Amino acid sequence: MTYKIEVDVTSAVQDFYPGLSNSEVDLLAKNISENWDYSSMFNTLSDRIGEYAQFNNIDLYQKDGVYE
């Protein structure tokens, strides 16, 4: 099974600013999606993996694929 987290940027822009024209929404959504920095999202994901592993008693030691 595959789990995904997806964001419809166009819909989010429309939700936050319903008064924008369709062309303004499209331009903003395009700019956001083309310039998005995913690093903070991956850092949060990494933190959550550690938290939920601990909660579920899963040992992550030396399971990250990077060993000295």
N, C-alpha and C. Protein backbone atom coordinates (compact mmCIF):
# COMPACT_ATOMS: atom_id res chain seq x y z
N MET A 1 0.84 -1.17 0.00
CA MET A 1 0.00 0.00 0.00
C MET A 1 0.89 1.24 0.00
N THR A 2 0.48 2.26 -0.70
CA THR A 2 1.19 3.53 -0.77
C THR A 2 0.33 4.62 -0.14
N TYR A 3 0.93 5.42 0.72
CA TYR A 3 0.23 6.54 1.36
C TYR A 3 0.84 7.83 0.84
N LYS A 4 -0.01 8.78 0.46
CA LYS A 4 0.45 10.05 -0.09
C LYS A 4 -0.18 11.21 0.65
N ILE A 5 0.56 12.29 0.72
CA ILE A 5 0.04 13.56 1.20
C ILE A 5 0.11 14.51 0.01
N GLU A 6 -1.02 14.99 -0.42
CA GLU A 6 -1.05 15.87 -1.59
C GLU A 6 -1.81 17.15 -1.25
N VAL A 7 -1.40 18.23 -1.88
CA VAL A 7 -2.08 19.51 -1.71
C VAL A 7 -2.48 20.03 -3.08
N ASP A 8 -3.73 20.35 -3.22
CA ASP A 8 -4.22 21.00 -4.44
C ASP A 8 -3.97 22.50 -4.25
N VAL A 9 -2.88 22.99 -4.82
CA VAL A 9 -2.47 24.37 -4.60
C VAL A 9 -3.50 25.34 -5.16
N THR A 10 -4.05 25.04 -6.31
CA THR A 10 -5.07 25.92 -6.91
C THR A 10 -6.26 26.07 -5.98
N SER A 11 -6.72 24.96 -5.46
CA SER A 11 -7.86 24.99 -4.55
C SER A 11 -7.52 25.74 -3.26
N ALA A 12 -6.31 25.55 -2.76
CA ALA A 12 -5.89 26.24 -1.53
C ALA A 12 -5.86 27.76 -1.75
N VAL A 13 -5.31 28.20 -2.88
CA VAL A 13 -5.29 29.64 -3.18
C VAL A 13 -6.71 30.17 -3.25
N GLN A 14 -7.60 29.45 -3.91
CA GLN A 14 -9.00 29.87 -4.00
C GLN A 14 -9.68 29.91 -2.64
N ASP A 15 -9.37 28.93 -1.78
CA ASP A 15 -9.95 28.90 -0.43
C ASP A 15 -9.49 30.09 0.40
N PHE A 16 -8.20 30.41 0.32
CA PHE A 16 -7.66 31.53 1.10
C PHE A 16 -8.10 32.89 0.54
N TYR A 17 -8.24 32.98 -0.79
CA TYR A 17 -8.58 34.26 -1.44
C TYR A 17 -9.65 34.06 -2.50
N PRO A 18 -10.89 33.85 -2.07
CA PRO A 18 -11.97 33.58 -3.02
C PRO A 18 -12.29 34.75 -3.96
N GLY A 19 -11.79 35.94 -3.65
CA GLY A 19 -12.06 37.10 -4.50
C GLY A 19 -11.15 37.23 -5.70
N LEU A 20 -10.15 36.37 -5.81
CA LEU A 20 -9.23 36.43 -6.95
C LEU A 20 -9.89 35.93 -8.23
N SER A 21 -9.44 36.47 -9.35
CA SER A 21 -9.91 35.97 -10.65
C SER A 21 -9.26 34.62 -10.92
N ASN A 22 -9.81 33.88 -11.87
CA ASN A 22 -9.24 32.57 -12.23
C ASN A 22 -7.80 32.71 -12.71
N SER A 23 -7.51 33.76 -13.46
CA SER A 23 -6.15 33.93 -13.97
C SER A 23 -5.18 34.29 -12.84
N GLU A 24 -5.63 35.06 -11.85
CA GLU A 24 -4.79 35.37 -10.70
C GLU A 24 -4.51 34.11 -9.87
N VAL A 25 -5.55 33.32 -9.66
CA VAL A 25 -5.40 32.06 -8.92
C VAL A 25 -4.41 31.16 -9.64
N ASP A 26 -4.57 31.04 -10.95
CA ASP A 26 -3.70 30.18 -11.75
C ASP A 26 -2.25 30.64 -11.67
N LEU A 27 -2.03 31.94 -11.79
CA LEU A 27 -0.67 32.48 -11.74
C LEU A 27 -0.03 32.22 -10.39
N LEU A 28 -0.76 32.51 -9.31
CA LEU A 28 -0.22 32.28 -7.97
C LEU A 28 0.05 30.80 -7.71
N ALA A 29 -0.89 29.94 -8.08
CA ALA A 29 -0.72 28.49 -7.87
C ALA A 29 0.48 27.97 -8.66
N LYS A 30 0.64 28.46 -9.87
CA LYS A 30 1.78 28.04 -10.71
C LYS A 30 3.08 28.47 -10.06
N ASN A 31 3.17 29.73 -9.63
CA ASN A 31 4.39 30.23 -8.98
C ASN A 31 4.71 29.46 -7.71
N ILE A 32 3.71 29.21 -6.89
CA ILE A 32 3.92 28.47 -5.65
C ILE A 32 4.42 27.07 -5.93
N SER A 33 3.75 26.36 -6.84
CA SER A 33 4.13 24.97 -7.11
C SER A 33 5.51 24.86 -7.76
N GLU A 34 5.88 25.83 -8.58
CA GLU A 34 7.19 25.78 -9.24
C GLU A 34 8.34 26.18 -8.32
N ASN A 35 8.05 26.90 -7.25
CA ASN A 35 9.11 27.41 -6.39
C ASN A 35 9.05 26.88 -4.96
N TRP A 36 8.25 25.86 -4.73
CA TRP A 36 8.07 25.34 -3.38
C TRP A 36 9.33 24.68 -2.87
N ASP A 37 9.69 24.97 -1.61
CA ASP A 37 10.84 24.35 -0.96
C ASP A 37 10.32 23.20 -0.09
N TYR A 38 10.61 21.98 -0.49
CA TYR A 38 10.10 20.79 0.18
C TYR A 38 10.91 20.40 1.42
N SER A 39 12.01 21.08 1.69
CA SER A 39 12.90 20.65 2.76
C SER A 39 12.22 20.66 4.13
N SER A 40 11.43 21.67 4.43
CA SER A 40 10.78 21.70 5.75
C SER A 40 9.76 20.58 5.89
N MET A 41 9.10 20.24 4.79
CA MET A 41 8.13 19.15 4.82
C MET A 41 8.84 17.82 5.09
N PHE A 42 9.99 17.61 4.47
CA PHE A 42 10.74 16.37 4.68
C PHE A 42 11.32 16.31 6.09
N ASN A 43 11.72 17.46 6.62
CA ASN A 43 12.21 17.48 8.01
C ASN A 43 11.08 17.11 8.97
N THR A 44 9.90 17.65 8.73
CA THR A 44 8.75 17.31 9.56
C THR A 44 8.42 15.83 9.43
N LEU A 45 8.45 15.31 8.22
CA LEU A 45 8.19 13.90 7.99
C LEU A 45 9.19 13.03 8.74
N SER A 46 10.45 13.39 8.69
CA SER A 46 11.48 12.64 9.40
C SER A 46 11.22 12.65 10.90
N ASP A 47 10.84 13.81 11.42
CA ASP A 47 10.51 13.91 12.85
C ASP A 47 9.33 13.00 13.20
N ARG A 48 8.31 13.01 12.39
CA ARG A 48 7.11 12.20 12.65
C ARG A 48 7.41 10.71 12.60
N ILE A 49 8.29 10.30 11.67
CA ILE A 49 8.67 8.89 11.60
C ILE A 49 9.29 8.47 12.94
N GLY A 50 10.20 9.29 13.45
CA GLY A 50 10.83 8.98 14.72
C GLY A 50 9.83 8.93 15.87
N GLU A 51 8.91 9.89 15.90
CA GLU A 51 7.90 9.94 16.96
C GLU A 51 6.98 8.72 16.93
N TYR A 52 6.49 8.40 15.75
CA TYR A 52 5.57 7.27 15.64
C TYR A 52 6.28 5.93 15.81
N ALA A 53 7.54 5.86 15.40
CA ALA A 53 8.31 4.64 15.64
C ALA A 53 8.46 4.41 17.13
N GLN A 54 8.79 5.46 17.86
CA GLN A 54 8.93 5.34 19.31
C GLN A 54 7.59 4.95 19.94
N PHE A 55 6.52 5.60 19.52
CA PHE A 55 5.18 5.30 20.05
C PHE A 55 4.80 3.84 19.82
N ASN A 56 5.22 3.30 18.66
CA ASN A 56 4.89 1.92 18.29
C ASN A 56 5.99 0.92 18.61
N ASN A 57 6.96 1.35 19.42
CA ASN A 57 8.08 0.49 19.83
C ASN A 57 8.83 -0.12 18.65
N ILE A 58 9.10 0.71 17.65
CA ILE A 58 9.88 0.28 16.49
C ILE A 58 11.28 0.88 16.62
N ASP A 59 12.29 0.02 16.60
CA ASP A 59 13.68 0.45 16.74
C ASP A 59 14.20 0.90 15.38
N LEU A 60 14.61 2.14 15.27
CA LEU A 60 15.14 2.68 14.01
C LEU A 60 16.66 2.67 13.94
N TYR A 61 17.32 2.23 15.03
CA TYR A 61 18.79 2.26 15.07
C TYR A 61 19.39 1.46 13.93
N GLN A 62 20.28 2.11 13.17
CA GLN A 62 20.97 1.53 12.02
C GLN A 62 20.02 1.00 10.95
N LYS A 63 18.88 1.57 10.83
CA LYS A 63 17.94 1.19 9.77
C LYS A 63 17.74 2.31 8.76
N ASP A 64 18.55 3.35 8.87
CA ASP A 64 18.44 4.48 7.97
C ASP A 64 19.25 4.33 6.69
N GLY A 65 20.06 3.30 6.59
CA GLY A 65 20.84 3.04 5.39
C GLY A 65 22.15 3.79 5.36
N VAL A 66 22.47 4.55 6.42
CA VAL A 66 23.72 5.29 6.48
C VAL A 66 24.49 4.80 7.70
N TYR A 67 25.60 4.12 7.46
CA TYR A 67 26.39 3.55 8.55
C TYR A 67 27.81 4.05 8.47
N GLU A 68 28.45 4.17 9.63
CA GLU A 68 29.86 4.58 9.65
C GLU A 68 30.75 3.39 9.41
